[in-house]
Amino acid sequence: MSYSLKKGKIVELKTIYRFIDGASVKKVGELNFNICHQTLFDIITIPEGKVCTTILDLYNL
């Protein structure tokens, strides 16, 4: 989504990281893109390693 928003159009990625499978897609849907394109001011991406360490931290609570 972040790459498509930067380009202003739906872009299909060549590769994706599958660790976060629900959020990893090669191509965003048209409806979702249109909604995000019209309503978002910014999008924040989180590195995969940060997600892993946060999950471990939460697990160890």
Protein backbone atom coordinates (compact mmCIF):
# COMPACT_ATOMS: atom_id res chain seq x y z
CA MET A 1 0.00 0.00 0.00
CA SER A 2 2.73 2.47 0.92
CA TYR A 3 4.49 2.05 -2.43
CA SER A 4 1.23 2.41 -4.36
CA LEU A 5 0.32 5.55 -2.41
CA LYS A 6 3.73 7.05 -3.16
CA LYS A 7 3.26 6.33 -6.87
CA GLY A 8 -0.37 7.50 -6.88
CA LYS A 9 -1.55 4.28 -8.53
CA ILE A 10 -1.81 0.58 -7.77
CA VAL A 11 1.58 -1.05 -8.17
CA GLU A 12 2.29 -4.80 -8.14
CA LEU A 13 5.39 -5.72 -6.16
CA LYS A 14 7.79 -8.35 -7.48
CA THR A 15 8.48 -9.86 -4.05
CA ILE A 16 7.00 -9.58 -0.57
CA TYR A 17 7.96 -10.71 2.93
CA ARG A 18 5.48 -13.30 4.13
CA PHE A 19 6.16 -13.09 7.87
CA ILE A 20 3.11 -10.91 8.40
CA ASP A 21 0.90 -12.84 6.04
CA GLY A 22 -2.31 -10.88 6.57
CA ALA A 23 -0.63 -7.61 5.63
CA SER A 24 1.70 -8.84 2.89
CA VAL A 25 0.22 -8.66 -0.59
CA LYS A 26 1.82 -8.12 -3.97
CA LYS A 27 -1.01 -5.90 -5.15
CA VAL A 28 -3.53 -3.95 -3.08
CA GLY A 29 -7.20 -4.06 -3.93
CA GLU A 30 -8.70 -1.22 -5.93
CA LEU A 31 -11.35 -0.37 -3.32
CA ASN A 32 -8.82 -0.34 -0.46
CA PHE A 33 -6.39 1.75 -2.49
CA ASN A 34 -9.07 4.31 -3.37
CA ILE A 35 -10.18 4.64 0.25
CA CYS A 36 -6.60 5.01 1.53
CA HIS A 37 -5.64 7.37 -1.29
CA GLN A 38 -8.54 9.68 -0.42
CA THR A 39 -8.30 9.57 3.37
CA LEU A 40 -4.71 8.97 4.54
CA PHE A 41 -2.19 11.73 5.07
CA ASP A 42 0.68 9.34 5.76
CA ILE A 43 1.42 5.65 6.21
CA ILE A 44 3.98 4.19 8.60
CA THR A 45 5.87 1.02 7.75
CA ILE A 46 7.45 -1.15 10.43
CA PRO A 47 10.55 -3.28 9.73
CA GLU A 48 9.99 -7.04 10.00
CA GLY A 49 12.65 -7.33 12.72
CA LYS A 50 10.84 -4.81 14.91
CA VAL A 51 7.62 -6.80 14.59
CA CYS A 52 9.48 -9.98 15.61
CA THR A 53 11.08 -8.42 18.69
CA THR A 54 7.79 -6.82 19.75
CA ILE A 55 5.99 -10.16 19.50
CA LEU A 56 8.71 -11.77 21.63
CA ASP A 57 8.49 -8.95 24.18
CA LEU A 58 4.73 -9.37 24.44
CA TYR A 59 5.05 -13.14 24.71
CA ASN A 60 7.52 -12.79 27.60
CA LEU A 61 5.29 -10.46 29.66
